[in-house]
Amino acid sequence: MGINTRATYAGNADIGYLSEFLVGQGGASPETFAALSDVIEINLGGFSSEIIDKTHLRSPGRAHEKMTGLRDFENITVRCNYNRDHGSHLLAGGNGFSASYNMVALHKNQTECNFMALVGSESPQQQIDIVGVVSGMTRPTLGVSGKQEITYTITPLRDYLS
């Protein structure tokens, strides 16, 4: 029998409360980071591994043979309340965001950037360091009721599991 088989135990869960998504501001070492404003949801995406078919006409047991290839990382999305007065959502920057390292400028210029997700409400929070590019950005939805939201898509450029 395996561990926890037929045993009772209390569940363990956490909510995203107090999590943050930070944007590196380039330049100086150590690099400074500024927190993206009004974050509603961070989806850190998933991971997949390429499966390569290496079957040939004399494969043992008349069965397919496979091997793993390289891992790939899905896009990360960060959904925010649109705050037109906060430097993270403005091309001009402000609120700790430079004119070159706010989300709009990063997308416009396709600048490689360091990002950091601080996850969970427990102390210390889990820190996830990501090197990526802002590959997508939605404009706020306008309507007579409801709030305006904006979503940023970050494409990881290299492994961030190590």
C-alpha atoms as a PDB file:
ATOM      1  CA  MET A   1       0.000   0.000   0.000  1.00  0.00           C
ATOM      2  CA  GLY A   2       1.180   3.522  -0.764  1.00  0.00           C
ATOM      3  CA  ILE A   3       1.595   6.508   1.487  1.00  0.00           C
ATOM      4  CA  ASN A   4      -1.743   8.052   2.625  1.00  0.00           C
ATOM      5  CA  THR A   5      -3.642   4.956   1.534  1.00  0.00           C
ATOM      6  CA  ARG A   6      -6.729   4.525   3.725  1.00  0.00           C
ATOM      7  CA  ALA A   7      -5.496   7.347   5.946  1.00  0.00           C
ATOM      8  CA  THR A   8      -7.323  10.542   6.704  1.00  0.00           C
ATOM      9  CA  TYR A   9      -5.515  13.840   6.709  1.00  0.00           C
ATOM     10  CA  ALA A  10      -6.297  17.532   6.598  1.00  0.00           C
ATOM     11  CA  GLY A  11      -6.181  19.183   3.187  1.00  0.00           C
ATOM     12  CA  ASN A  12      -3.690  21.909   2.406  1.00  0.00           C
ATOM     13  CA  ALA A  13      -4.386  24.773   0.022  1.00  0.00           C
ATOM     14  CA  ASP A  14      -3.486  28.409  -0.539  1.00  0.00           C
ATOM     15  CA  ILE A  15      -5.140  31.242  -2.393  1.00  0.00           C
ATOM     16  CA  GLY A  16      -3.424  33.807  -4.588  1.00  0.00           C
ATOM     17  CA  TYR A  17      -3.929  36.610  -2.077  1.00  0.00           C
ATOM     18  CA  LEU A  18      -0.769  38.781  -1.685  1.00  0.00           C
ATOM     19  CA  SER A  19       0.817  37.342  -4.859  1.00  0.00           C
ATOM     20  CA  GLU A  20       2.554  39.873  -7.111  1.00  0.00           C
ATOM     21  CA  PHE A  21       3.974  40.123 -10.610  1.00  0.00           C
ATOM     22  CA  LEU A  22       7.109  42.249 -10.820  1.00  0.00           C
ATOM     23  CA  VAL A  23       8.848  43.778 -13.822  1.00  0.00           C
ATOM     24  CA  GLY A  24      12.629  44.265 -13.948  1.00  0.00           C
ATOM     25  CA  GLN A  25      13.735  47.805 -14.684  1.00  0.00           C
ATOM     26  CA  GLY A  26      16.968  46.898 -16.503  1.00  0.00           C
ATOM     27  CA  GLY A  27      20.318  48.531 -15.931  1.00  0.00           C
ATOM     28  CA  ALA A  28      21.916  48.572 -12.504  1.00  0.00           C
ATOM     29  CA  SER A  29      23.070  45.505 -10.632  1.00  0.00           C
ATOM     30  CA  PRO A  30      21.275  44.386  -8.590  1.00  0.00           C
ATOM     31  CA  GLU A  31      18.309  45.100 -10.827  1.00  0.00           C
ATOM     32  CA  THR A  32      15.297  46.808  -9.285  1.00  0.00           C
ATOM     33  CA  PHE A  33      11.784  45.468  -9.803  1.00  0.00           C
ATOM     34  CA  ALA A  34       8.450  47.298  -9.816  1.00  0.00           C
ATOM     35  CA  ALA A  35       5.094  45.645  -9.079  1.00  0.00           C
ATOM     36  CA  LEU A  36       2.477  45.589 -11.817  1.00  0.00           C
ATOM     37  CA  SER A  37      -0.593  47.544 -10.668  1.00  0.00           C
ATOM     38  CA  ASP A  38      -4.023  46.096  -9.854  1.00  0.00           C
ATOM     39  CA  VAL A  39      -3.302  42.451 -10.724  1.00  0.00           C
ATOM     40  CA  ILE A  40      -6.446  40.309 -10.720  1.00  0.00           C
ATOM     41  CA  GLU A  41      -5.038  37.006 -11.969  1.00  0.00           C
ATOM     42  CA  ILE A  42      -1.664  35.496 -12.830  1.00  0.00           C
ATOM     43  CA  ASN A  43      -1.647  32.357 -14.969  1.00  0.00           C
ATOM     44  CA  LEU A  44       1.876  30.943 -14.932  1.00  0.00           C
ATOM     45  CA  GLY A  45       1.057  28.546 -17.773  1.00  0.00           C
ATOM     46  CA  GLY A  46       2.214  24.990 -18.033  1.00  0.00           C
ATOM     47  CA  PHE A  47       5.055  22.947 -19.404  1.00  0.00           C
ATOM     48  CA  SER A  48       5.259  20.266 -22.040  1.00  0.00           C
ATOM     49  CA  SER A  49       7.918  17.953 -23.366  1.00  0.00           C
ATOM     50  CA  GLU A  50       8.271  17.088 -27.006  1.00  0.00           C
ATOM     51  CA  ILE A  51       7.723  13.388 -27.710  1.00  0.00           C
ATOM     52  CA  ILE A  52       9.717  12.122 -30.687  1.00  0.00           C
ATOM     53  CA  ASP A  53       8.723   8.957 -32.511  1.00  0.00           C
ATOM     54  CA  LYS A  54      11.815   6.827 -33.156  1.00  0.00           C
ATOM     55  CA  THR A  55       9.946   3.799 -34.498  1.00  0.00           C
ATOM     56  CA  HIS A  56      11.523   1.856 -37.351  1.00  0.00           C
ATOM     57  CA  LEU A  57      10.529  -1.181 -39.380  1.00  0.00           C
ATOM     58  CA  ARG A  58      12.236  -3.578 -36.990  1.00  0.00           C
ATOM     59  CA  SER A  59      11.118  -2.022 -33.673  1.00  0.00           C
ATOM     60  CA  PRO A  60      10.893  -4.673 -30.916  1.00  0.00           C
ATOM     61  CA  GLY A  61       7.487  -6.166 -30.199  1.00  0.00           C
ATOM     62  CA  ARG A  62       5.932  -4.541 -33.276  1.00  0.00           C
ATOM     63  CA  ALA A  63       5.408  -1.429 -31.117  1.00  0.00           C
ATOM     64  CA  HIS A  64       6.141   2.258 -31.412  1.00  0.00           C
ATOM     65  CA  GLU A  65       9.310   3.511 -29.753  1.00  0.00           C
ATOM     66  CA  LYS A  66       9.497   7.041 -28.399  1.00  0.00           C
ATOM     67  CA  MET A  67      11.917   9.387 -26.704  1.00  0.00           C
ATOM     68  CA  THR A  68      11.605  12.767 -25.066  1.00  0.00           C
ATOM     69  CA  GLY A  69      12.845  15.923 -26.706  1.00  0.00           C
ATOM     70  CA  LEU A  70      13.076  19.446 -25.376  1.00  0.00           C
ATOM     71  CA  ARG A  71      10.725  21.032 -22.866  1.00  0.00           C
ATOM     72  CA  ASP A  72       8.619  24.057 -23.797  1.00  0.00           C
ATOM     73  CA  PHE A  73       6.873  26.653 -21.663  1.00  0.00           C
ATOM     74  CA  GLU A  74       3.391  28.021 -22.283  1.00  0.00           C
ATOM     75  CA  ASN A  75       2.731  31.742 -22.240  1.00  0.00           C
ATOM     76  CA  ILE A  76       2.114  33.506 -18.957  1.00  0.00           C
ATOM     77  CA  THR A  77      -0.875  35.833 -18.731  1.00  0.00           C
ATOM     78  CA  VAL A  78      -1.386  38.613 -16.224  1.00  0.00           C
ATOM     79  CA  ARG A  79      -4.858  40.175 -16.045  1.00  0.00           C
ATOM     80  CA  CYS A  80      -5.200  43.575 -14.379  1.00  0.00           C
ATOM     81  CA  ASN A  81      -7.732  46.253 -13.627  1.00  0.00           C
ATOM     82  CA  TYR A  82      -6.762  48.976 -16.069  1.00  0.00           C
ATOM     83  CA  ASN A  83      -5.316  51.850 -14.057  1.00  0.00           C
ATOM     84  CA  ARG A  84      -4.735  54.705 -16.494  1.00  0.00           C
ATOM     85  CA  ASP A  85      -2.837  56.661 -13.848  1.00  0.00           C
ATOM     86  CA  HIS A  86      -0.280  53.971 -12.988  1.00  0.00           C
ATOM     87  CA  GLY A  87       3.131  53.835 -14.676  1.00  0.00           C
ATOM     88  CA  SER A  88       2.977  50.088 -15.292  1.00  0.00           C
ATOM     89  CA  HIS A  89       0.158  50.665 -17.823  1.00  0.00           C
ATOM     90  CA  LEU A  90       1.541  53.912 -19.338  1.00  0.00           C
ATOM     91  CA  LEU A  91       4.109  54.324 -22.097  1.00  0.00           C
ATOM     92  CA  ALA A  92       5.643  57.208 -20.141  1.00  0.00           C
ATOM     93  CA  GLY A  93       6.228  55.060 -17.040  1.00  0.00           C
ATOM     94  CA  GLY A  94       6.071  56.369 -13.469  1.00  0.00           C
ATOM     95  CA  ASN A  95       5.385  54.736 -10.095  1.00  0.00           C
ATOM     96  CA  GLY A  96       8.775  52.988 -10.200  1.00  0.00           C
ATOM     97  CA  PHE A  97       8.457  52.049 -13.898  1.00  0.00           C
ATOM     98  CA  SER A  98      10.874  53.629 -16.365  1.00  0.00           C
ATOM     99  CA  ALA A  99       9.753  54.881 -19.773  1.00  0.00           C
ATOM    100  CA  SER A 100      11.568  51.863 -21.298  1.00  0.00           C
ATOM    101  CA  TYR A 101      10.479  49.131 -18.852  1.00  0.00           C
ATOM    102  CA  ASN A 102       6.722  49.498 -18.433  1.00  0.00           C
ATOM    103  CA  MET A 103       4.438  46.893 -19.986  1.00  0.00           C
ATOM    104  CA  VAL A 104       3.426  49.042 -22.979  1.00  0.00           C
ATOM    105  CA  ALA A 105       7.030  49.972 -23.899  1.00  0.00           C
ATOM    106  CA  LEU A 106       8.218  46.390 -23.393  1.00  0.00           C
ATOM    107  CA  HIS A 107       5.554  45.180 -25.822  1.00  0.00           C
ATOM    108  CA  LYS A 108       6.101  47.972 -28.336  1.00  0.00           C
ATOM    109  CA  ASN A 109       9.888  47.492 -28.425  1.00  0.00           C
ATOM    110  CA  GLN A 110       9.861  43.679 -27.910  1.00  0.00           C
ATOM    111  CA  THR A 111      12.475  44.097 -25.178  1.00  0.00           C
ATOM    112  CA  GLU A 112      13.784  41.016 -23.376  1.00  0.00           C
ATOM    113  CA  CYS A 113      13.047  41.575 -19.693  1.00  0.00           C
ATOM    114  CA  ASN A 114      13.370  39.942 -16.288  1.00  0.00           C
ATOM    115  CA  PHE A 115      10.073  39.261 -14.542  1.00  0.00           C
ATOM    116  CA  MET A 116       9.396  37.853 -11.098  1.00  0.00           C
ATOM    117  CA  ALA A 117       6.261  36.208  -9.717  1.00  0.00           C
ATOM    118  CA  LEU A 118       5.882  36.169  -5.942  1.00  0.00           C
ATOM    119  CA  VAL A 119       3.343  33.442  -5.246  1.00  0.00           C
ATOM    120  CA  GLY A 120       1.043  32.814  -2.301  1.00  0.00           C
ATOM    121  CA  SER A 121       0.206  34.351   1.016  1.00  0.00           C
ATOM    122  CA  GLU A 122       2.638  32.303   3.103  1.00  0.00           C
ATOM    123  CA  SER A 123       5.948  33.810   4.211  1.00  0.00           C
ATOM    124  CA  PRO A 124       8.329  33.450   2.524  1.00  0.00           C
ATOM    125  CA  GLN A 125       6.510  33.582  -0.794  1.00  0.00           C
ATOM    126  CA  GLN A 126       7.653  31.331  -3.611  1.00  0.00           C
ATOM    127  CA  GLN A 127       9.765  33.392  -6.024  1.00  0.00           C
ATOM    128  CA  ILE A 128       9.674  32.461  -9.705  1.00  0.00           C
ATOM    129  CA  ASP A 129      12.213  34.245 -11.921  1.00  0.00           C
ATOM    130  CA  ILE A 130      11.305  34.490 -15.601  1.00  0.00           C
ATOM    131  CA  VAL A 131      13.182  35.928 -18.590  1.00  0.00           C
ATOM    132  CA  GLY A 132      10.676  36.772 -21.277  1.00  0.00           C
ATOM    133  CA  VAL A 133       9.124  39.231 -23.658  1.00  0.00           C
ATOM    134  CA  VAL A 134       5.702  40.891 -23.573  1.00  0.00           C
ATOM    135  CA  SER A 135       4.328  39.154 -26.662  1.00  0.00           C
ATOM    136  CA  GLY A 136       0.725  40.307 -26.335  1.00  0.00           C
ATOM    137  CA  MET A 137      -1.396  42.986 -24.774  1.00  0.00           C
ATOM    138  CA  THR A 138      -5.145  43.569 -24.873  1.00  0.00           C
ATOM    139  CA  ARG A 139      -6.583  47.047 -24.844  1.00  0.00           C
ATOM    140  CA  PRO A 140      -9.113  47.769 -22.107  1.00  0.00           C
ATOM    141  CA  THR A 141     -12.698  46.745 -22.847  1.00  0.00           C
ATOM    142  CA  LEU A 142     -14.984  49.771 -22.769  1.00  0.00           C
ATOM    143  CA  GLY A 143     -18.637  49.565 -21.752  1.00  0.00           C
ATOM    144  CA  VAL A 144     -21.358  51.396 -19.886  1.00  0.00           C
ATOM    145  CA  SER A 145     -21.081  49.063 -16.926  1.00  0.00           C
ATOM    146  CA  GLY A 146     -18.276  47.031 -15.521  1.00  0.00           C
ATOM    147  CA  LYS A 147     -14.641  47.810 -15.010  1.00  0.00           C
ATOM    148  CA  GLN A 148     -11.901  48.105 -17.593  1.00  0.00           C
ATOM    149  CA  GLU A 149      -9.379  45.280 -17.663  1.00  0.00           C
ATOM    150  CA  ILE A 150      -6.133  44.741 -19.549  1.00  0.00           C
ATOM    151  CA  THR A 151      -4.266  41.456 -20.090  1.00  0.00           C
ATOM    152  CA  TYR A 152      -0.563  41.070 -20.795  1.00  0.00           C
ATOM    153  CA  THR A 153       0.959  37.936 -22.341  1.00  0.00           C
ATOM    154  CA  ILE A 154       4.563  37.120 -21.481  1.00  0.00           C
ATOM    155  CA  THR A 155       6.404  34.477 -23.498  1.00  0.00           C
ATOM    156  CA  PRO A 156       9.242  32.837 -21.533  1.00  0.00           C
ATOM    157  CA  LEU A 157      12.488  32.820 -23.527  1.00  0.00           C
ATOM    158  CA  ARG A 158      14.301  30.164 -21.524  1.00  0.00           C
ATOM    159  CA  ASP A 159      13.941  27.594 -18.748  1.00  0.00           C
ATOM    160  CA  TYR A 160      12.600  29.029 -15.519  1.00  0.00           C
ATOM    161  CA  LEU A 161      12.226  25.800 -13.562  1.00  0.00           C
ATOM    162  CA  SER A 162      15.858  25.618 -12.473  1.00  0.00           C
END
